[in-house]
């Protein structure tokens, strides 16, 4: 019986309407009626009862149609018709049972705990303002396209890019703006090329603070710190004066940890300390890539490497808690590598000195990989970490692992709803503790020098 009636099923239960009751009485049993929220060809149910003939109830678009097949009609059917009729009735029952099963499972199983939300909105959102300082420089030029085309905030989030650089670079900055316009990107709501902090920091939602004084030949570390303290003190004050209190800040310009500390200090009272971070994601990516090369797996099969401490040559790349997916099984990275001498020697030095090696080869600092790492950092902060995974992020210490409070220190973190949390309870062996102590000491010394450059003492 080809009863191809479009229908909509939304409930299941006893049909107590007068018409159904009379039919049920005729058959000597109750009517059970099912409806489904899916549109399909036939959503019918075989209704249990004691009567001599089966009864089908279809529910097409809220109108109940009853079909009663009497014995005379059934006897008149040929074997092929009878078989088709039987198949139809069985399929109706199976649909009903499947719907009941799904209903029970959905009621009692907390799917929301196990199913991640979509990482990005599915409809185009109102534009957000994203600041990139040093936008005419190498890293700035490498990163602006990635932000503009949705690599950071997703394909349905419009952005207004605010490009800041010093007045001496106003002309090349305008060229970057023109190129972005020429890209004709659906996610780019607008581009502003500016040379003043008042224009740049106004109502921003995110800030990539890339511009910083580079270290020049013969320059002492204290001289570099003093030059950058001036820049990031000014930008901290600008954040406090012009930015939204909810703004999230990534400091890329070196020395990144201490620059972030200074910016946060002078934005205090307006922008919370937890909204500041410094980038160690580049070091994190470098460490993951080295593990992948050593084990012989794709880099996406490596997770939970850690960068502890400063974004400098004292950083501690740690794989003691890392995992590797190899041959379909997740194993400890330490066991997969099985070479303690390498992990405590060449692996660490390779990651620590990678930036210097690139400068030696290119005669320029890392730009492409640094831009990619900054994109990774903010995207993860924006959408969150995956279950069971953590990333490296330099944030204000809360005293975890004995790191002095307030120090901008790279920790393993998880992120949910835009808020990071330091991963707790990781075991630190004697070797790792020594490395962590060394990078902590360097950061404390940097903080002291930076505060002295500001004319202040440690507070």
Protein backbone atom coordinates (compact mmCIF):
# COMPACT_ATOMS: atom_id res chain seq x y z
CA UNK A 1 0.00 0.00 0.00
CA UNK A 2 1.95 3.02 -1.22
CA UNK A 3 0.71 5.60 1.28
CA UNK A 4 3.27 8.28 0.47
CA UNK A 5 1.84 11.02 2.65
CA UNK A 6 4.16 13.84 3.78
CA UNK A 7 3.99 14.20 7.52
CA UNK A 8 5.44 15.76 10.64
CA UNK A 9 6.00 13.59 13.77
CA UNK A 10 6.35 15.43 17.15
CA UNK A 11 4.80 13.33 19.88
CA UNK A 12 3.89 9.86 20.90
CA UNK A 13 1.16 8.66 23.21
CA UNK A 14 -2.39 7.44 23.54
CA UNK A 15 -4.89 8.92 21.10
CA UNK A 16 -7.98 9.79 23.15
CA UNK A 17 -9.95 11.72 20.55
CA UNK A 18 -13.61 10.63 20.14
CA UNK A 19 -12.95 9.37 16.64
CA UNK A 20 -9.93 7.37 17.77
CA UNK A 21 -11.81 6.03 20.77
CA UNK A 22 -14.62 4.73 18.60
CA UNK A 23 -12.12 3.04 16.32
CA UNK A 24 -10.32 1.58 19.30
CA UNK A 25 -13.56 0.26 20.73
CA UNK A 26 -14.39 -1.25 17.35
CA UNK A 27 -11.07 -3.10 17.47
CA UNK A 28 -11.26 -3.86 21.15
CA UNK A 29 -7.97 -2.18 22.09
CA UNK A 30 -6.25 1.21 22.59
CA UNK A 31 -4.79 3.30 19.80
CA UNK A 32 -1.16 4.31 20.04
CA UNK A 33 -0.30 7.20 17.74
CA UNK A 34 3.22 8.37 16.88
CA UNK A 35 4.30 11.63 15.34
CA UNK A 36 7.78 12.64 14.28
CA UNK A 37 9.52 15.98 13.87
CA UNK A 38 11.01 14.79 10.59
CA UNK A 39 9.35 15.33 7.26
CA UNK A 40 9.23 12.08 5.37
CA UNK A 41 7.10 9.97 3.10
CA UNK A 42 5.01 8.07 5.66
CA UNK A 43 5.12 8.26 9.42
CA UNK A 44 2.52 5.80 10.49
CA UNK A 45 2.14 3.33 13.27
CA UNK A 46 0.63 -0.06 13.56
CA UNK A 47 -1.76 0.32 16.44
CA UNK A 48 -1.96 -2.54 18.88
CA UNK A 49 -5.30 -4.06 19.71
CA UNK A 50 -7.38 -7.18 19.85
CA UNK A 51 -9.51 -6.59 16.77
CA UNK A 52 -9.54 -8.79 13.73
CA UNK A 53 -7.97 -6.25 11.38
CA UNK A 54 -4.94 -3.94 11.55
CA UNK A 55 -5.40 -0.20 11.76
CA UNK A 56 -2.97 2.43 10.46
CA UNK A 57 -3.09 6.01 11.68
CA UNK A 58 -1.23 8.61 9.60
CA UNK A 59 -0.72 12.18 10.72
CA UNK A 60 -0.14 14.40 7.67
CA UNK A 61 0.44 18.03 8.72
CA UNK A 62 -1.64 17.82 11.87
CA UNK A 63 -4.65 16.16 10.18
CA UNK A 64 -5.46 12.68 11.40
CA UNK A 65 -6.43 10.17 8.74
CA UNK A 66 -7.51 6.71 9.82
CA UNK A 67 -7.23 3.74 7.51
CA UNK A 68 -8.88 0.53 8.60
CA UNK A 69 -8.12 -2.52 6.58
CA UNK A 70 -10.85 -5.13 7.11
CA UNK A 71 -10.55 -8.85 6.75
CA UNK A 72 -12.38 -8.92 3.42
CA UNK A 73 -9.92 -6.46 1.93
CA UNK A 74 -6.98 -8.37 3.38
CA UNK A 75 -8.29 -11.63 1.89
CA UNK A 76 -8.64 -9.98 -1.50
CA UNK A 77 -4.94 -9.04 -1.67
CA UNK A 78 -2.59 -11.01 -3.86
CA UNK A 79 0.64 -12.35 -2.27
CA UNK A 80 2.69 -9.41 -3.61
CA UNK A 81 0.24 -6.89 -2.13
CA UNK A 82 0.18 -8.77 1.16
CA UNK A 83 3.98 -8.76 1.29
CA UNK A 84 4.12 -5.02 0.55
CA UNK A 85 1.51 -4.40 3.20
CA UNK A 86 3.44 -6.45 5.76
CA UNK A 87 6.72 -4.67 4.97
CA UNK A 88 5.01 -1.32 5.34
CA UNK A 89 3.55 -2.26 8.73
CA UNK A 90 6.89 -3.59 10.00
CA UNK A 91 8.70 -0.44 8.85
CA UNK A 92 6.17 1.67 10.74
CA UNK A 93 6.80 -0.31 13.89
CA UNK A 94 10.57 -0.04 13.47
CA UNK A 95 10.31 3.72 13.05
CA UNK A 96 8.23 3.93 16.19
CA UNK A 97 10.66 1.81 18.21
CA UNK A 98 13.64 3.77 16.91
CA UNK A 99 11.99 7.05 17.84
CA UNK A 100 11.24 5.73 21.33
CA UNK A 101 14.85 4.57 21.72
CA UNK A 102 16.21 7.97 20.66
CA UNK A 103 13.80 9.75 22.96
CA UNK A 104 14.92 7.69 25.96
CA UNK A 105 18.62 8.15 25.14
CA UNK A 106 18.24 11.89 24.60
CA UNK A 107 16.34 12.23 27.90
CA UNK A 108 18.84 10.43 30.09
CA UNK A 109 22.25 10.99 28.42
CA UNK A 110 23.82 14.47 28.90
CA UNK A 111 25.00 14.88 25.32
CA UNK A 112 25.95 18.52 25.93
CA UNK A 113 28.88 17.33 28.03
CA UNK A 114 30.38 15.35 25.17
CA UNK A 115 29.42 17.31 22.05
CA UNK A 116 31.47 20.45 21.42
CA UNK A 117 29.73 23.55 20.11
CA UNK A 118 30.66 24.78 16.67
CA UNK A 119 33.97 26.66 17.01
CA UNK A 120 32.71 29.66 15.08
CA UNK A 121 29.29 31.32 14.63
CA UNK A 122 27.25 30.03 11.69
CA UNK A 123 25.87 33.46 10.77
CA UNK A 124 27.83 36.62 10.06
CA UNK A 125 28.42 38.54 13.30
CA UNK A 126 28.75 42.28 13.88
CA UNK A 127 32.30 43.53 13.21
CA UNK A 128 34.92 43.47 15.95
CA UNK A 129 37.86 45.90 16.06
CA UNK A 130 41.27 44.25 15.93
CA UNK A 131 44.45 46.26 16.41
CA UNK A 132 47.82 45.27 14.95
CA UNK A 133 50.76 47.41 16.02
CA UNK A 134 53.92 47.43 13.93
CA UNK A 135 51.63 46.59 11.01
CA UNK A 136 54.08 47.80 8.37
CA UNK A 137 56.77 45.44 9.65
CA UNK A 138 57.55 41.86 8.68
CA UNK A 139 55.32 40.08 11.18
CA UNK A 140 52.57 42.66 10.81
CA UNK A 141 52.51 42.27 7.04
CA UNK A 142 52.43 38.47 7.43
CA UNK A 143 49.58 38.44 9.93
CA UNK A 144 47.05 41.00 8.69
CA UNK A 145 45.80 38.88 5.79
CA UNK A 146 45.29 35.87 8.09
CA UNK A 147 43.20 37.97 10.46
CA UNK A 148 41.27 39.63 7.65
CA UNK A 149 40.28 36.41 5.88
CA UNK A 150 38.94 34.64 8.95
CA UNK A 151 41.83 32.43 10.07
CA UNK A 152 41.58 33.81 13.62
CA UNK A 153 37.92 34.55 14.32
CA UNK A 154 36.25 32.35 11.75
CA UNK A 155 34.57 32.78 8.36
CA UNK A 156 31.43 34.37 9.82
CA UNK A 157 33.01 37.05 11.98
CA UNK A 158 33.58 40.41 10.31
CA UNK A 159 36.59 42.39 11.49
CA UNK A 160 37.66 45.98 11.24
CA UNK A 161 41.45 45.98 11.12
CA UNK A 162 43.23 48.89 12.78
CA UNK A 163 46.83 49.15 11.60
CA UNK A 164 49.24 51.17 13.74
CA UNK A 165 52.85 52.09 13.07
CA UNK A 166 55.15 55.01 13.74
CA UNK A 167 54.80 58.11 11.51
CA UNK A 168 58.01 57.24 9.65
CA UNK A 169 56.22 54.17 8.25
CA UNK A 170 52.94 55.90 7.39
CA UNK A 171 53.43 55.47 3.64
CA UNK A 172 54.15 51.71 3.62
CA UNK A 173 51.35 51.32 6.16
CA UNK A 174 48.97 52.92 3.68
CA UNK A 175 50.22 50.43 1.09
CA UNK A 176 49.29 47.54 3.41
CA UNK A 177 45.83 49.04 3.79
CA UNK A 178 45.38 49.28 0.01
CA UNK A 179 46.43 45.66 -0.44
CA UNK A 180 43.93 44.48 2.14
CA UNK A 181 41.15 46.40 0.39
CA UNK A 182 42.19 44.83 -2.91
CA UNK A 183 41.83 41.35 -1.40
CA UNK A 184 38.03 41.91 -1.47
CA UNK A 185 37.45 39.73 1.58
CA UNK A 186 33.87 39.13 2.81
CA UNK A 187 35.06 39.03 6.44
CA UNK A 188 36.87 42.38 6.26
CA UNK A 189 34.49 45.14 7.34
CA UNK A 190 37.07 47.91 7.08
CA UNK A 191 40.72 48.92 7.38
CA UNK A 192 42.14 51.90 9.27
CA UNK A 193 45.79 52.92 8.94
CA UNK A 194 46.78 55.21 11.82
CA UNK A 195 49.87 56.59 13.51
CA UNK A 196 48.49 57.72 16.89
CA UNK A 197 47.52 55.62 19.90
CA UNK A 198 44.31 57.58 20.43
CA UNK A 199 43.04 56.44 17.03
CA UNK A 200 44.50 52.95 17.28
CA UNK A 201 43.24 51.85 20.70
CA UNK A 202 39.74 53.31 20.46
CA UNK A 203 37.11 50.64 21.32
CA UNK A 204 39.28 47.70 20.25
CA UNK A 205 38.26 44.12 21.05
CA UNK A 206 41.63 42.44 20.40
CA UNK A 207 45.18 43.75 20.21
CA UNK A 208 48.22 42.16 18.60
CA UNK A 209 51.06 44.24 20.07
CA UNK A 210 53.81 43.36 17.63
CA UNK A 211 55.74 46.61 17.26
CA UNK A 212 58.77 46.88 19.54
CA UNK A 213 62.31 48.20 19.52
CA UNK A 214 64.59 45.51 18.02
CA UNK A 215 67.88 44.74 19.68
CA UNK A 216 70.71 46.43 17.80
CA UNK A 217 74.37 45.53 17.63
CA UNK A 218 76.17 46.52 20.80
CA UNK A 219 72.93 47.13 22.69
CA UNK A 220 72.84 45.82 26.26
CA UNK A 221 69.78 43.99 27.59
CA UNK A 222 69.03 46.85 29.98
CA UNK A 223 69.10 49.32 27.08
CA UNK A 224 66.65 47.17 25.12
CA UNK A 225 64.36 46.87 28.15
CA UNK A 226 64.47 50.62 28.75
CA UNK A 227 63.52 51.38 25.13
CA UNK A 228 60.63 48.93 25.15
CA UNK A 229 59.37 49.92 28.59
CA UNK A 230 58.71 53.37 27.16
CA UNK A 231 56.67 51.89 24.27
CA UNK A 232 54.62 49.46 26.33
CA UNK A 233 54.04 51.85 29.20
CA UNK A 234 52.51 54.25 26.67
CA UNK A 235 50.41 51.48 25.11
CA UNK A 236 49.24 50.33 28.54
CA UNK A 237 48.04 53.84 29.29
CA UNK A 238 46.32 53.98 25.88
CA UNK A 239 44.53 50.70 26.61
CA UNK A 240 43.29 52.12 29.89
CA UNK A 241 42.12 55.34 28.25
CA UNK A 242 40.62 54.20 24.95
CA UNK A 243 40.05 50.43 24.75
CA UNK A 244 37.12 48.35 25.89
CA UNK A 245 37.57 46.78 29.35
CA UNK A 246 37.01 43.38 27.71
CA UNK A 247 39.88 43.78 25.23
CA UNK A 248 42.23 40.80 24.96
CA UNK A 249 45.90 41.56 24.38
CA UNK A 250 48.69 39.45 22.92
CA UNK A 251 52.20 40.87 23.22
CA UNK A 252 54.54 39.62 20.50
CA UNK A 253 57.25 42.29 20.56
CA UNK A 254 60.31 41.21 22.56
CA UNK A 255 61.06 40.90 25.40
CA UNK A 256 57.43 39.77 25.21
CA UNK A 257 56.87 38.56 28.78
CA UNK A 258 58.19 41.72 30.40
CA UNK A 259 56.61 44.01 27.81
CA UNK A 260 53.26 42.40 28.65
CA UNK A 261 53.91 42.92 32.36
CA UNK A 262 54.56 46.64 31.83
CA UNK A 263 51.53 47.13 29.56
CA UNK A 264 49.32 45.34 32.09
CA UNK A 265 50.67 47.44 34.94
CA UNK A 266 49.73 50.70 33.23
CA UNK A 267 46.35 49.46 32.00
CA UNK A 268 45.39 48.28 35.49
CA UNK A 269 42.06 49.57 36.75
CA UNK A 270 40.53 49.37 33.28
CA UNK A 271 41.74 46.13 31.71
CA UNK A 272 41.98 43.01 33.93
CA UNK A 273 45.38 41.36 34.30
CA UNK A 274 44.02 38.08 32.94
CA UNK A 275 43.33 39.82 29.61
CA UNK A 276 47.07 40.16 28.96
CA UNK A 277 49.26 37.45 27.51
CA UNK A 278 52.64 37.12 25.86
CA UNK A 279 53.39 34.79 22.98
CA UNK A 280 55.20 31.52 23.58
CA UNK A 281 53.04 29.71 21.02
CA UNK A 282 55.88 30.01 18.50
CA UNK A 283 58.14 28.07 20.86
CA UNK A 284 55.27 25.62 21.50
CA UNK A 285 54.86 25.04 17.76
CA UNK A 286 58.61 24.62 17.32
CA UNK A 287 58.71 22.01 20.09
CA UNK A 288 55.75 20.09 18.64
CA UNK A 289 57.36 20.12 15.20
CA UNK A 290 60.62 18.71 16.58
CA UNK A 291 58.77 15.90 18.36
CA UNK A 292 56.86 15.08 15.18
CA UNK A 293 60.07 14.93 13.14
CA UNK A 294 61.79 12.74 15.72
CA UNK A 295 58.91 10.26 16.04
CA UNK A 296 57.97 10.33 12.35
CA UNK A 297 54.35 11.42 12.66
CA UNK A 298 52.37 14.42 11.35
CA UNK A 299 52.63 17.40 13.67
CA UNK A 300 48.87 17.34 14.28
CA UNK A 301 49.45 13.98 16.01
CA UNK A 302 51.46 15.69 18.75
CA UNK A 303 49.75 17.42 21.66
CA UNK A 304 50.46 18.82 25.13
CA UNK A 305 54.06 19.91 24.75
CA UNK A 306 54.80 22.69 27.22
CA UNK A 307 56.92 25.82 27.16
CA UNK A 308 57.73 26.98 30.68
CA UNK A 309 58.91 30.50 31.46
CA UNK A 310 60.33 33.23 29.29
CA UNK A 311 60.24 33.66 25.53
CA UNK A 312 64.02 33.66 25.46
CA UNK A 313 66.95 31.28 25.42
CA UNK A 314 66.14 30.24 29.01
CA UNK A 315 62.71 28.87 28.11
CA UNK A 316 62.15 25.23 29.02
CA UNK A 317 60.52 23.09 26.30
CA UNK A 318 59.03 20.09 28.13
CA UNK A 319 57.60 16.90 26.61
CA UNK A 320 57.17 14.97 29.86
CA UNK A 321 53.38 15.29 29.58
CA UNK A 322 53.09 15.30 25.79
CA UNK A 323 51.21 12.67 23.81
CA UNK A 324 51.81 11.29 20.32
CA UNK A 325 49.31 9.48 18.11
CA UNK A 326 51.32 6.73 16.41
CA UNK A 327 49.97 3.75 14.50
CA UNK A 328 46.47 4.58 15.69
CA UNK A 329 47.42 4.60 19.38
CA UNK A 330 48.07 7.53 21.71
CA UNK A 331 51.38 7.07 23.54
CA UNK A 332 53.64 9.17 25.75
CA UNK A 333 56.01 11.31 23.72
CA UNK A 334 58.90 10.41 26.02
CA UNK A 335 58.37 6.71 25.34
CA UNK A 336 57.88 7.27 21.61
CA UNK A 337 61.18 9.15 21.37
CA UNK A 338 62.97 6.88 23.85
CA UNK A 339 66.08 9.04 24.02
CA UNK A 340 66.60 10.87 27.31
CA UNK A 341 69.90 12.39 26.23
CA UNK A 342 68.22 13.98 23.21
CA UNK A 343 65.24 15.26 25.22
CA UNK A 344 67.49 16.84 27.85
CA UNK A 345 70.03 18.12 25.33
CA UNK A 346 69.62 18.76 21.61
CA UNK A 347 65.82 18.99 21.74
CA UNK A 348 65.89 21.81 24.29
CA UNK A 349 68.72 23.73 22.65
CA UNK A 350 67.15 23.41 19.18
CA UNK A 351 63.92 25.04 20.36
CA UNK A 352 65.70 27.65 22.50
CA UNK A 353 68.04 28.75 19.70
CA UNK A 354 65.69 28.39 16.74
CA UNK A 355 65.10 32.12 16.42
CA UNK A 356 68.82 32.88 16.36
CA UNK A 357 69.43 30.23 13.71
CA UNK A 358 66.71 31.73 11.49
CA UNK A 359 68.23 35.20 11.86
CA UNK A 360 71.61 33.76 10.88
CA UNK A 361 70.12 32.09 7.79
CA UNK A 362 67.72 34.83 6.63
CA UNK A 363 69.48 37.86 8.09
CA UNK A 364 66.00 38.70 9.35
CA UNK A 365 64.00 37.52 12.35
CA UNK A 366 61.18 34.97 12.16
CA UNK A 367 58.11 36.51 10.56
CA UNK A 368 56.00 33.86 8.82
CA UNK A 369 56.18 31.39 11.72
CA UNK A 370 55.72 34.15 14.30
CA UNK A 371 52.60 35.41 12.53
CA UNK A 372 51.20 31.88 12.34
CA UNK A 373 51.86 31.39 16.06
CA UNK A 374 50.10 34.65 16.94
CA UNK A 375 47.10 33.53 14.89
CA UNK A 376 47.10 30.18 16.71
CA UNK A 377 47.36 31.91 20.09
CA UNK A 378 44.40 34.25 19.63
CA UNK A 379 42.26 31.69 17.79
CA UNK A 380 42.65 29.23 20.66
CA UNK A 381 41.90 32.00 23.16
CA UNK A 382 38.81 32.86 21.13
CA UNK A 383 37.37 29.36 20.52
CA UNK A 384 38.93 27.34 23.36
CA UNK A 385 41.09 24.24 23.66
CA UNK A 386 39.93 20.76 22.74
CA UNK A 387 39.07 18.30 25.53
CA UNK A 388 42.20 16.64 26.88
CA UNK A 389 44.53 19.18 25.30
CA UNK A 390 46.42 22.21 26.56
CA UNK A 391 48.62 24.85 24.95
CA UNK A 392 51.44 27.13 26.10
CA UNK A 393 50.59 30.72 26.92
CA UNK A 394 52.51 33.35 28.91
CA UNK A 395 50.05 34.71 31.47
CA UNK A 396 50.13 36.29 34.91
CA UNK A 397 51.16 33.72 37.50
CA UNK A 398 48.75 32.96 40.33
CA UNK A 399 51.48 31.21 42.30
CA UNK A 400 51.09 27.87 40.51
CA UNK A 401 54.22 25.68 40.49
CA UNK A 402 55.92 28.13 42.84
CA UNK A 403 56.16 30.93 40.26
CA UNK A 404 55.93 34.38 41.90
CA UNK A 405 52.48 35.92 41.58
CA UNK A 406 52.06 38.51 38.85
CA UNK A 407 55.07 37.38 36.82
CA UNK A 408 54.16 36.90 33.15
CA UNK A 409 55.23 33.29 32.78
CA UNK A 410 54.53 30.64 30.15
CA UNK A 411 52.34 27.85 31.52
CA UNK A 412 50.29 25.02 30.07
CA UNK A 413 46.71 26.31 29.94
CA UNK A 414 43.26 25.18 28.96
CA UNK A 415 40.75 27.70 27.63
CA UNK A 416 36.96 27.71 27.83
CA UNK A 417 34.55 30.55 27.03
CA UNK A 418 37.45 32.92 26.42
CA UNK A 419 39.01 32.32 29.86
CA UNK A 420 42.29 30.52 30.39
CA UNK A 421 43.15 28.29 33.34
CA UNK A 422 46.60 27.05 34.30
CA UNK A 423 46.79 23.26 34.19
CA UNK A 424 47.31 22.01 37.74
CA UNK A 425 48.91 18.93 39.25
CA UNK A 426 51.59 18.17 36.67
CA UNK A 427 54.59 16.36 38.13
CA UNK A 428 57.86 18.27 37.85
CA UNK A 429 61.06 16.24 38.21
CA UNK A 430 64.38 17.57 39.46
CA UNK A 431 65.74 18.25 35.97
CA UNK A 432 62.63 20.20 34.96
CA UNK A 433 62.59 22.14 38.22
CA UNK A 434 66.14 23.33 37.64
CA UNK A 435 65.21 24.62 34.17
CA UNK A 436 62.07 26.32 35.50
CA UNK A 437 64.07 28.00 38.28
CA UNK A 438 66.55 29.40 35.74
CA UNK A 439 63.91 30.97 33.51
CA UNK A 440 62.04 32.30 36.56
CA UNK A 441 65.22 34.03 37.75
CA UNK A 442 65.67 35.68 34.36
CA UNK A 443 62.09 36.97 34.36
CA UNK A 444 62.46 38.35 37.89
CA UNK A 445 65.63 40.18 36.83
CA UNK A 446 63.86 41.57 33.74
CA UNK A 447 60.98 42.78 35.89
CA UNK A 448 63.37 44.57 38.25
CA UNK A 449 65.19 46.28 35.38
CA UNK A 450 61.94 47.24 33.64
CA UNK A 451 60.45 48.77 36.77
CA UNK A 452 63.66 50.71 37.39
CA UNK A 453 63.41 52.04 33.84
CA UNK A 454 59.91 53.23 34.74
CA UNK A 455 61.32 54.97 37.79
CA UNK A 456 59.59 52.48 40.09
CA UNK A 457 60.56 49.62 42.34
CA UNK A 458 59.02 46.12 42.46
CA UNK A 459 55.47 46.23 43.80
